[in-house]
């Protein structure tokens, strides 16, 4: 696990010592003193402390649902855009819809 996966206050082992996370990249050792923990460091959970839960994965959304939501959004944009901006808005719409085709 990585330091960024842990909440502030969580305990972990690094290089044979027990630390408590005190900041985004810092930890406090049991024996005292602060230390920066490198981002590449692989940390071990302290015995009795489960590793952090993996973030929930989002469910995929099909292209037709995205297209329907975008069409509703585009309709609102079209009503709010003046004549000078409509060509650029339409070009952006085409690019977006083409990206769904890929």
PDB file of N, CA and C in Angstrom:
ATOM      1  N   UNK A   1       0.846  -1.178   0.000  1.00  0.00           N
ATOM      2  CA  UNK A   1       0.000   0.000   0.000  1.00  0.00           C
ATOM      3  C   UNK A   1       0.888   1.237   0.000  1.00  0.00           C
ATOM      4  N   UNK A   2       0.345   2.328  -0.411  1.00  0.00           N
ATOM      5  CA  UNK A   2       1.060   3.601  -0.504  1.00  0.00           C
ATOM      6  C   UNK A   2       0.554   4.556   0.575  1.00  0.00           C
ATOM      7  N   UNK A   3       1.363   5.535   0.900  1.00  0.00           N
ATOM      8  CA  UNK A   3       0.989   6.504   1.940  1.00  0.00           C
ATOM      9  C   UNK A   3      -0.281   7.262   1.562  1.00  0.00           C
ATOM     10  N   UNK A   4      -0.439   7.547   0.277  1.00  0.00           N
ATOM     11  CA  UNK A   4      -1.625   8.303  -0.162  1.00  0.00           C
ATOM     12  C   UNK A   4      -2.921   7.521   0.050  1.00  0.00           C
ATOM     13  N   UNK A   5      -2.822   6.193   0.216  1.00  0.00           N
ATOM     14  CA  UNK A   5      -4.013   5.370   0.455  1.00  0.00           C
ATOM     15  C   UNK A   5      -4.475   5.401   1.906  1.00  0.00           C
ATOM     16  N   UNK A   6      -3.649   5.930   2.784  1.00  0.00           N
ATOM     17  CA  UNK A   6      -3.952   5.915   4.217  1.00  0.00           C
ATOM     18  C   UNK A   6      -4.530   7.244   4.690  1.00  0.00           C
ATOM     19  N   UNK A   7      -5.470   7.189   5.639  1.00  0.00           N
ATOM     20  CA  UNK A   7      -5.958   8.436   6.238  1.00  0.00           C
ATOM     21  C   UNK A   7      -4.952   8.956   7.269  1.00  0.00           C
ATOM     22  N   UNK A   8      -5.016  10.226   7.585  1.00  0.00           N
ATOM     23  CA  UNK A   8      -4.178  10.812   8.631  1.00  0.00           C
ATOM     24  C   UNK A   8      -4.458  10.054   9.931  1.00  0.00           C
ATOM     25  N   UNK A   9      -3.393   9.699  10.641  1.00  0.00           N
ATOM     26  CA  UNK A   9      -3.540   8.979  11.901  1.00  0.00           C
ATOM     27  C   UNK A   9      -3.379   7.473  11.772  1.00  0.00           C
ATOM     28  N   UNK A  10      -3.335   6.949  10.552  1.00  0.00           N
ATOM     29  CA  UNK A  10      -3.188   5.510  10.344  1.00  0.00           C
ATOM     30  C   UNK A  10      -1.753   5.094  10.627  1.00  0.00           C
ATOM     31  N   UNK A  11      -1.587   3.890  11.155  1.00  0.00           N
ATOM     32  CA  UNK A  11      -0.262   3.356  11.459  1.00  0.00           C
ATOM     33  C   UNK A  11       0.180   2.394  10.374  1.00  0.00           C
ATOM     34  N   UNK A  12       1.497   2.351  10.133  1.00  0.00           N
ATOM     35  CA  UNK A  12       2.054   1.468   9.121  1.00  0.00           C
ATOM     36  C   UNK A  12       3.516   1.193   9.453  1.00  0.00           C
ATOM     37  N   UNK A  13       4.074   0.183   8.780  1.00  0.00           N
ATOM     38  CA  UNK A  13       5.479  -0.148   8.958  1.00  0.00           C
ATOM     39  C   UNK A  13       6.230   0.224   7.693  1.00  0.00           C
ATOM     40  N   UNK A  14       7.392   0.858   7.882  1.00  0.00           N
ATOM     41  CA  UNK A  14       8.258   1.224   6.766  1.00  0.00           C
ATOM     42  C   UNK A  14       9.697   1.084   7.224  1.00  0.00           C
ATOM     43  N   UNK A  15      10.477   0.329   6.490  1.00  0.00           N
ATOM     44  CA  UNK A  15      11.882   0.083   6.799  1.00  0.00           C
ATOM     45  C   UNK A  15      12.086  -0.404   8.234  1.00  0.00           C
ATOM     46  N   UNK A  16      11.175  -1.291   8.671  1.00  0.00           N
ATOM     47  CA  UNK A  16      11.304  -1.915   9.987  1.00  0.00           C
ATOM     48  C   UNK A  16      10.854  -1.082  11.163  1.00  0.00           C
ATOM     49  N   UNK A  17      10.317   0.104  10.925  1.00  0.00           N
ATOM     50  CA  UNK A  17       9.849   0.971  12.013  1.00  0.00           C
ATOM     51  C   UNK A  17       8.355   1.234  11.850  1.00  0.00           C
ATOM     52  N   UNK A  18       7.700   1.502  12.969  1.00  0.00           N
ATOM     53  CA  UNK A  18       6.268   1.810  12.978  1.00  0.00           C
ATOM     54  C   UNK A  18       6.105   3.324  12.937  1.00  0.00           C
ATOM     55  N   UNK A  19       5.236   3.775  12.026  1.00  0.00           N
ATOM     56  CA  UNK A  19       4.968   5.208  11.849  1.00  0.00           C
ATOM     57  C   UNK A  19       3.473   5.469  11.907  1.00  0.00           C
ATOM     58  N   UNK A  20       3.139   6.720  12.173  1.00  0.00           N
ATOM     59  CA  UNK A  20       1.762   7.204  12.111  1.00  0.00           C
ATOM     60  C   UNK A  20       1.729   8.331  11.098  1.00  0.00           C
ATOM     61  N   UNK A  21       0.797   8.252  10.154  1.00  0.00           N
ATOM     62  CA  UNK A  21       0.702   9.290   9.119  1.00  0.00           C
ATOM     63  C   UNK A  21       0.256  10.593   9.755  1.00  0.00           C
ATOM     64  N   UNK A  22       1.020  11.669   9.477  1.00  0.00           N
ATOM     65  CA  UNK A  22       0.705  12.980  10.038  1.00  0.00           C
ATOM     66  C   UNK A  22       0.380  14.018   8.977  1.00  0.00           C
ATOM     67  N   UNK A  23       0.660  13.712   7.726  1.00  0.00           N
ATOM     68  CA  UNK A  23       0.410  14.648   6.632  1.00  0.00           C
ATOM     69  C   UNK A  23       0.426  13.910   5.314  1.00  0.00           C
ATOM     70  N   UNK A  24       0.269  14.621   4.202  1.00  0.00           N
ATOM     71  CA  UNK A  24       0.220  13.983   2.896  1.00  0.00           C
ATOM     72  C   UNK A  24       1.477  13.179   2.559  1.00  0.00           C
ATOM     73  N   UNK A  25       2.637  13.621   3.062  1.00  0.00           N
ATOM     74  CA  UNK A  25       3.887  12.911   2.773  1.00  0.00           C
ATOM     75  C   UNK A  25       4.745  12.718   4.021  1.00  0.00           C
ATOM     76  N   UNK A  26       4.186  12.957   5.192  1.00  0.00           N
ATOM     77  CA  UNK A  26       4.967  12.872   6.416  1.00  0.00           C
ATOM     78  C   UNK A  26       4.366  11.875   7.396  1.00  0.00           C
ATOM     79  N   UNK A  27       5.241  11.371   8.263  1.00  0.00           N
ATOM     80  CA  UNK A  27       4.816  10.437   9.298  1.00  0.00           C
ATOM     81  C   UNK A  27       5.672  10.648  10.531  1.00  0.00           C
ATOM     82  N   UNK A  28       5.121  10.256  11.652  1.00  0.00           N
ATOM     83  CA  UNK A  28       5.804  10.365  12.929  1.00  0.00           C
ATOM     84  C   UNK A  28       6.173   8.953  13.390  1.00  0.00           C
ATOM     85  N   UNK A  29       7.423   8.749  13.774  1.00  0.00           N
ATOM     86  CA  UNK A  29       7.884   7.445  14.242  1.00  0.00           C
ATOM     87  C   UNK A  29       7.449   7.216  15.681  1.00  0.00           C
ATOM     88  N   UNK A  30       7.285   5.950  16.052  1.00  0.00           N
ATOM     89  CA  UNK A  30       6.943   5.606  17.436  1.00  0.00           C
ATOM     90  C   UNK A  30       8.014   6.110  18.393  1.00  0.00           C
ATOM     91  N   UNK A  31       9.255   6.042  17.956  1.00  0.00           N
ATOM     92  CA  UNK A  31      10.370   6.466  18.808  1.00  0.00           C
ATOM     93  C   UNK A  31      10.554   7.975  18.828  1.00  0.00           C
ATOM     94  N   UNK A  32       9.732   8.690  18.054  1.00  0.00           N
ATOM     95  CA  UNK A  32       9.811  10.145  18.001  1.00  0.00           C
ATOM     96  C   UNK A  32      10.424  10.624  16.702  1.00  0.00           C
ATOM     97  N   UNK A  33      10.116  11.846  16.347  1.00  0.00           N
ATOM     98  CA  UNK A  33      10.649  12.443  15.136  1.00  0.00           C
ATOM     99  C   UNK A  33       9.728  12.284  13.938  1.00  0.00           C
ATOM    100  N   UNK A  34       9.847  13.236  13.049  1.00  0.00           N
ATOM    101  CA  UNK A  34       9.063  13.252  11.806  1.00  0.00           C
ATOM    102  C   UNK A  34       9.936  12.760  10.664  1.00  0.00           C
ATOM    103  N   UNK A  35       9.299  12.206   9.638  1.00  0.00           N
ATOM    104  CA  UNK A  35      10.023  11.756   8.459  1.00  0.00           C
ATOM    105  C   UNK A  35       9.132  11.909   7.233  1.00  0.00           C
ATOM    106  N   UNK A  36       9.760  12.302   6.137  1.00  0.00           N
ATOM    107  CA  UNK A  36       9.044  12.306   4.860  1.00  0.00           C
ATOM    108  C   UNK A  36       9.057  10.880   4.324  1.00  0.00           C
ATOM    109  N   UNK A  37       7.925  10.430   3.842  1.00  0.00           N
ATOM    110  CA  UNK A  37       7.808   9.093   3.264  1.00  0.00           C
ATOM    111  C   UNK A  37       7.728   9.270   1.751  1.00  0.00           C
ATOM    112  N   UNK A  38       8.659   8.690   1.003  1.00  0.00           N
ATOM    113  CA  UNK A  38       8.632   8.867  -0.454  1.00  0.00           C
ATOM    114  C   UNK A  38       7.376   8.258  -1.077  1.00  0.00           C
ATOM    115  N   UNK A  39       6.942   8.849  -2.165  1.00  0.00           N
ATOM    116  CA  UNK A  39       5.733   8.362  -2.839  1.00  0.00           C
ATOM    117  C   UNK A  39       5.893   6.939  -3.343  1.00  0.00           C
ATOM    118  N   UNK A  40       7.112   6.558  -3.684  1.00  0.00           N
ATOM    119  CA  UNK A  40       7.344   5.222  -4.224  1.00  0.00           C
ATOM    120  C   UNK A  40       7.377   4.154  -3.128  1.00  0.00           C
ATOM    121  N   UNK A  41       7.408   4.559  -1.860  1.00  0.00           N
ATOM    122  CA  UNK A  41       7.543   3.610  -0.756  1.00  0.00           C
ATOM    123  C   UNK A  41       6.345   2.663  -0.697  1.00  0.00           C
ATOM    124  N   UNK A  42       6.652   1.387  -0.510  1.00  0.00           N
ATOM    125  CA  UNK A  42       5.611   0.379  -0.303  1.00  0.00           C
ATOM    126  C   UNK A  42       5.539   0.114   1.191  1.00  0.00           C
ATOM    127  N   UNK A  43       4.392   0.343   1.777  1.00  0.00           N
ATOM    128  CA  UNK A  43       4.214   0.256   3.223  1.00  0.00           C
ATOM    129  C   UNK A  43       3.486  -1.026   3.602  1.00  0.00           C
ATOM    130  N   UNK A  44       3.761  -1.508   4.822  1.00  0.00           N
ATOM    131  CA  UNK A  44       3.069  -2.693   5.338  1.00  0.00           C
ATOM    132  C   UNK A  44       2.084  -2.242   6.408  1.00  0.00           C
ATOM    133  N   UNK A  45       0.879  -2.845   6.405  1.00  0.00           N
ATOM    134  CA  UNK A  45      -0.046  -2.506   7.487  1.00  0.00           C
ATOM    135  C   UNK A  45       0.482  -3.047   8.814  1.00  0.00           C
ATOM    136  N   UNK A  46       0.188  -2.356   9.881  1.00  0.00           N
ATOM    137  CA  UNK A  46       0.574  -2.809  11.213  1.00  0.00           C
ATOM    138  C   UNK A  46      -0.325  -3.986  11.569  1.00  0.00           C
ATOM    139  N   UNK A  47       0.226  -4.991  12.264  1.00  0.00           N
ATOM    140  CA  UNK A  47      -0.574  -6.162  12.660  1.00  0.00           C
ATOM    141  C   UNK A  47      -1.877  -5.728  13.320  1.00  0.00           C
ATOM    142  N   UNK A  48      -2.943  -6.354  12.893  1.00  0.00           N
ATOM    143  CA  UNK A  48      -4.261  -6.013  13.423  1.00  0.00           C
ATOM    144  C   UNK A  48      -4.920  -4.873  12.678  1.00  0.00           C
ATOM    145  N   UNK A  49      -4.211  -4.210  11.792  1.00  0.00           N
ATOM    146  CA  UNK A  49      -4.757  -3.116  10.993  1.00  0.00           C
ATOM    147  C   UNK A  49      -4.969  -3.638   9.578  1.00  0.00           C
ATOM    148  N   UNK A  50      -6.197  -3.722   9.128  1.00  0.00           N
ATOM    149  CA  UNK A  50      -6.405  -4.183   7.759  1.00  0.00           C
ATOM    150  C   UNK A  50      -5.905  -3.159   6.755  1.00  0.00           C
ATOM    151  N   UNK A  51      -5.472  -3.604   5.582  1.00  0.00           N
ATOM    152  CA  UNK A  51      -5.085  -2.632   4.560  1.00  0.00           C
ATOM    153  C   UNK A  51      -6.300  -1.799   4.160  1.00  0.00           C
ATOM    154  N   UNK A  52      -6.095  -0.598   3.663  1.00  0.00           N
ATOM    155  CA  UNK A  52      -7.233   0.249   3.314  1.00  0.00           C
ATOM    156  C   UNK A  52      -8.080  -0.415   2.229  1.00  0.00           C
ATOM    157  N   UNK A  53      -9.363  -0.169   2.297  1.00  0.00           N
ATOM    158  CA  UNK A  53     -10.283  -0.726   1.302  1.00  0.00           C
ATOM    159  C   UNK A  53      -9.999  -0.120  -0.065  1.00  0.00           C
ATOM    160  N   UNK A  54     -10.154  -0.928  -1.079  1.00  0.00           N
ATOM    161  CA  UNK A  54      -9.979  -0.418  -2.435  1.00  0.00           C
ATOM    162  C   UNK A  54     -11.157   0.485  -2.769  1.00  0.00           C
ATOM    163  N   UNK A  55     -10.917   1.560  -3.517  1.00  0.00           N
ATOM    164  CA  UNK A  55     -12.025   2.443  -3.856  1.00  0.00           C
ATOM    165  C   UNK A  55     -13.059   1.702  -4.706  1.00  0.00           C
ATOM    166  N   UNK A  56     -14.294   2.036  -4.484  1.00  0.00           N
ATOM    167  CA  UNK A  56     -15.376   1.409  -5.245  1.00  0.00           C
ATOM    168  C   UNK A  56     -15.235   1.764  -6.718  1.00  0.00           C
ATOM    169  N   UNK A  57     -15.457   0.779  -7.536  1.00  0.00           N
ATOM    170  CA  UNK A  57     -15.393   1.039  -8.977  1.00  0.00           C
ATOM    171  C   UNK A  57     -16.761   1.503  -9.454  1.00  0.00           C
ATOM    172  N   UNK A  58     -16.747   2.440 -10.336  1.00  0.00           N
ATOM    173  CA  UNK A  58     -18.015   2.939 -10.850  1.00  0.00           C
ATOM    174  C   UNK A  58     -18.517   2.004 -11.941  1.00  0.00           C
ATOM    175  N   UNK A  59     -19.796   1.994 -12.133  1.00  0.00           N
ATOM    176  CA  UNK A  59     -20.364   1.138 -13.170  1.00  0.00           C
ATOM    177  C   UNK A  59     -20.284   1.860 -14.517  1.00  0.00           C
ATOM    178  N   UNK A  60     -20.030   1.121 -15.563  1.00  0.00           N
ATOM    179  CA  UNK A  60     -19.928   1.759 -16.881  1.00  0.00           C
ATOM    180  C   UNK A  60     -21.293   2.283 -17.338  1.00  0.00           C
ATOM    181  N   UNK A  61     -21.270   3.364 -18.062  1.00  0.00           N
ATOM    182  CA  UNK A  61     -22.488   3.958 -18.604  1.00  0.00           C
ATOM    183  C   UNK A  61     -22.459   3.757 -20.107  1.00  0.00           C
ATOM    184  N   UNK A  62     -23.570   3.269 -20.640  1.00  0.00           N
ATOM    185  CA  UNK A  62     -23.575   3.022 -22.080  1.00  0.00           C
ATOM    186  C   UNK A  62     -23.670   4.339 -22.859  1.00  0.00           C
ATOM    187  N   UNK A  63     -23.216   4.278 -24.107  1.00  0.00           N
ATOM    188  CA  UNK A  63     -23.127   5.473 -24.953  1.00  0.00           C
ATOM    189  C   UNK A  63     -24.493   6.118 -25.174  1.00  0.00           C
ATOM    190  N   UNK A  64     -25.547   5.329 -25.262  1.00  0.00           N
ATOM    191  CA  UNK A  64     -26.880   5.899 -25.517  1.00  0.00           C
ATOM    192  C   UNK A  64     -27.351   6.749 -24.331  1.00  0.00           C
ATOM    193  N   UNK A  65     -27.070   6.326 -23.117  1.00  0.00           N
ATOM    194  CA  UNK A  65     -27.427   7.119 -21.932  1.00  0.00           C
ATOM    195  C   UNK A  65     -26.660   8.434 -21.930  1.00  0.00           C
ATOM    196  N   UNK A  66     -25.377   8.379 -22.256  1.00  0.00           N
ATOM    197  CA  UNK A  66     -24.558   9.594 -22.326  1.00  0.00           C
ATOM    198  C   UNK A  66     -25.087  10.510 -23.416  1.00  0.00           C
ATOM    199  N   UNK A  67     -25.424   9.940 -24.561  1.00  0.00           N
ATOM    200  CA  UNK A  67     -25.935  10.731 -25.687  1.00  0.00           C
ATOM    201  C   UNK A  67     -27.236  11.453 -25.320  1.00  0.00           C
ATOM    202  N   UNK A  68     -28.142  10.760 -24.630  1.00  0.00           N
ATOM    203  CA  UNK A  68     -29.415  11.380 -24.242  1.00  0.00           C
ATOM    204  C   UNK A  68     -29.184  12.528 -23.249  1.00  0.00           C
ATOM    205  N   UNK A  69     -28.291  12.306 -22.275  1.00  0.00           N
ATOM    206  CA  UNK A  69     -27.996  13.363 -21.301  1.00  0.00           C
ATOM    207  C   UNK A  69     -27.325  14.542 -21.983  1.00  0.00           C
ATOM    208  N   UNK A  70     -26.417  14.242 -22.905  1.00  0.00           N
ATOM    209  CA  UNK A  70     -25.725  15.319 -23.605  1.00  0.00           C
ATOM    210  C   UNK A  70     -26.694  16.113 -24.489  1.00  0.00           C
ATOM    211  N   UNK A  71     -27.618  15.437 -25.164  1.00  0.00           N
ATOM    212  CA  UNK A  71     -28.592  16.137 -26.006  1.00  0.00           C
ATOM    213  C   UNK A  71     -29.438  17.111 -25.187  1.00  0.00           C
ATOM    214  N   UNK A  72     -29.809  16.710 -23.975  1.00  0.00           N
ATOM    215  CA  UNK A  72     -30.570  17.616 -23.103  1.00  0.00           C
ATOM    216  C   UNK A  72     -29.711  18.821 -22.717  1.00  0.00           C
ATOM    217  N   UNK A  73     -28.459  18.569 -22.378  1.00  0.00           N
ATOM    218  CA  UNK A  73     -27.525  19.642 -22.039  1.00  0.00           C
ATOM    219  C   UNK A  73     -27.304  20.564 -23.241  1.00  0.00           C
ATOM    220  N   UNK A  74     -27.102  19.969 -24.413  1.00  0.00           N
ATOM    221  CA  UNK A  74     -26.856  20.744 -25.625  1.00  0.00           C
ATOM    222  C   UNK A  74     -28.057  21.632 -25.958  1.00  0.00           C
ATOM    223  N   UNK A  75     -29.260  21.117 -25.759  1.00  0.00           N
ATOM    224  CA  UNK A  75     -30.471  21.915 -26.010  1.00  0.00           C
ATOM    225  C   UNK A  75     -30.497  23.174 -25.152  1.00  0.00           C
ATOM    226  N   UNK A  76     -30.115  23.039 -23.893  1.00  0.00           N
ATOM    227  CA  UNK A  76     -30.057  24.199 -23.010  1.00  0.00           C
ATOM    228  C   UNK A  76     -28.987  25.184 -23.479  1.00  0.00           C
ATOM    229  N   UNK A  77     -27.822  24.643 -23.830  1.00  0.00           N
ATOM    230  CA  UNK A  77     -26.730  25.507 -24.316  1.00  0.00           C
ATOM    231  C   UNK A  77     -27.148  26.265 -25.569  1.00  0.00           C
ATOM    232  N   UNK A  78     -27.832  25.577 -26.462  1.00  0.00           N
ATOM    233  CA  UNK A  78     -28.262  26.183 -27.718  1.00  0.00           C
ATOM    234  C   UNK A  78     -29.209  27.359 -27.473  1.00  0.00           C
ATOM    235  N   UNK A  79     -30.113  27.190 -26.504  1.00  0.00           N
ATOM    236  CA  UNK A  79     -31.047  28.277 -26.173  1.00  0.00           C
ATOM    237  C   UNK A  79     -30.327  29.479 -25.564  1.00  0.00           C
ATOM    238  N   UNK A  80     -29.230  29.225 -24.838  1.00  0.00           N
ATOM    239  CA  UNK A  80     -28.520  30.300 -24.149  1.00  0.00           C
ATOM    240  C   UNK A  80     -27.424  30.959 -24.982  1.00  0.00           C
ATOM    241  N   UNK A  81     -27.099  30.366 -26.131  1.00  0.00           N
ATOM    242  CA  UNK A  81     -26.005  30.864 -26.968  1.00  0.00           C
ATOM    243  C   UNK A  81     -26.541  31.823 -28.019  1.00  0.00           C
ATOM    244  N   UNK A  82     -25.808  32.905 -28.254  1.00  0.00           N
ATOM    245  CA  UNK A  82     -26.209  33.841 -29.298  1.00  0.00           C
ATOM    246  C   UNK A  82     -25.823  33.286 -30.675  1.00  0.00           C
ATOM    247  N   UNK A  83     -26.253  33.962 -31.720  1.00  0.00           N
ATOM    248  CA  UNK A  83     -25.999  33.492 -33.086  1.00  0.00           C
ATOM    249  C   UNK A  83     -24.514  33.353 -33.394  1.00  0.00           C
ATOM    250  N   UNK A  84     -23.678  34.188 -32.801  1.00  0.00           N
ATOM    251  CA  UNK A  84     -22.246  34.159 -33.091  1.00  0.00           C
ATOM    252  C   UNK A  84     -21.553  32.914 -32.520  1.00  0.00           C
ATOM    253  N   UNK A  85     -22.064  32.382 -31.430  1.00  0.00           N
ATOM    254  CA  UNK A  85     -21.427  31.235 -30.787  1.00  0.00           C
ATOM    255  C   UNK A  85     -21.970  29.887 -31.215  1.00  0.00           C
ATOM    256  N   UNK A  86     -23.069  29.877 -31.979  1.00  0.00           N
ATOM    257  CA  UNK A  86     -23.701  28.603 -32.328  1.00  0.00           C
ATOM    258  C   UNK A  86     -22.839  27.717 -33.214  1.00  0.00           C
ATOM    259  N   UNK A  87     -22.089  28.297 -34.150  1.00  0.00           N
ATOM    260  CA  UNK A  87     -21.234  27.477 -35.024  1.00  0.00           C
ATOM    261  C   UNK A  87     -20.156  26.770 -34.197  1.00  0.00           C
ATOM    262  N   UNK A  88     -19.568  27.482 -33.254  1.00  0.00           N
ATOM    263  CA  UNK A  88     -18.538  26.870 -32.406  1.00  0.00           C
ATOM    264  C   UNK A  88     -19.150  25.809 -31.493  1.00  0.00           C
ATOM    265  N   UNK A  89     -20.351  26.077 -30.976  1.00  0.00           N
ATOM    266  CA  UNK A  89     -21.048  25.112 -30.139  1.00  0.00           C
ATOM    267  C   UNK A  89     -21.361  23.847 -30.935  1.00  0.00           C
ATOM    268  N   UNK A  90     -21.812  24.011 -32.175  1.00  0.00           N
ATOM    269  CA  UNK A  90     -22.119  22.850 -33.016  1.00  0.00           C
ATOM    270  C   UNK A  90     -20.856  22.041 -33.320  1.00  0.00           C
ATOM    271  N   UNK A  91     -19.742  22.700 -33.555  1.00  0.00           N
ATOM    272  CA  UNK A  91     -18.479  22.001 -33.807  1.00  0.00           C
ATOM    273  C   UNK A  91     -18.058  21.200 -32.568  1.00  0.00           C
ATOM    274  N   UNK A  92     -18.226  21.783 -31.398  1.00  0.00           N
ATOM    275  CA  UNK A  92     -17.896  21.081 -30.158  1.00  0.00           C
ATOM    276  C   UNK A  92     -18.811  19.872 -29.970  1.00  0.00           C
ATOM    277  N   UNK A  93     -20.078  20.026 -30.322  1.00  0.00           N
ATOM    278  CA  UNK A  93     -21.037  18.912 -30.230  1.00  0.00           C
ATOM    279  C   UNK A  93     -20.610  17.771 -31.138  1.00  0.00           C
ATOM    280  N   UNK A  94     -20.226  18.088 -32.363  1.00  0.00           N
ATOM    281  CA  UNK A  94     -19.787  17.042 -33.298  1.00  0.00           C
ATOM    282  C   UNK A  94     -18.562  16.308 -32.767  1.00  0.00           C
ATOM    283  N   UNK A  95     -17.600  17.050 -32.228  1.00  0.00           N
ATOM    284  CA  UNK A  95     -16.396  16.414 -31.685  1.00  0.00           C
ATOM    285  C   UNK A  95     -16.741  15.482 -30.523  1.00  0.00           C
ATOM    286  N   UNK A  96     -17.645  15.930 -29.677  1.00  0.00           N
ATOM    287  CA  UNK A  96     -18.046  15.104 -28.542  1.00  0.00           C
ATOM    288  C   UNK A  96     -18.711  13.820 -29.008  1.00  0.00           C
ATOM    289  N   UNK A  97     -19.661  13.939 -29.933  1.00  0.00           N
ATOM    290  CA  UNK A  97     -20.356  12.749 -30.420  1.00  0.00           C
ATOM    291  C   UNK A  97     -19.416  11.801 -31.160  1.00  0.00           C
ATOM    292  N   UNK A  98     -18.455  12.347 -31.883  1.00  0.00           N
ATOM    293  CA  UNK A  98     -17.477  11.510 -32.557  1.00  0.00           C
ATOM    294  C   UNK A  98     -16.620  10.754 -31.541  1.00  0.00           C
ATOM    295  N   UNK A  99     -16.339  11.372 -30.407  1.00  0.00           N
ATOM    296  CA  UNK A  99     -15.530  10.682 -29.393  1.00  0.00           C
ATOM    297  C   UNK A  99     -16.269   9.487 -28.810  1.00  0.00           C
ATOM    298  N   UNK A 100     -17.595   9.514 -28.815  1.00  0.00           N
ATOM    299  CA  UNK A 100     -18.364   8.364 -28.332  1.00  0.00           C
ATOM    300  C   UNK A 100     -18.280   7.195 -29.308  1.00  0.00           C
ATOM    301  N   UNK A 101     -18.033   7.468 -30.558  1.00  0.00           N
ATOM    302  CA  UNK A 101     -17.980   6.432 -31.584  1.00  0.00           C
ATOM    303  C   UNK A 101     -16.705   5.603 -31.484  1.00  0.00           C
ATOM    304  N   UNK A 102     -15.657   6.159 -30.899  1.00  0.00           N
ATOM    305  CA  UNK A 102     -14.355   5.471 -30.848  1.00  0.00           C
ATOM    306  C   UNK A 102     -14.360   4.300 -29.925  1.00  0.00           C
TER     307      UNK A 102
END
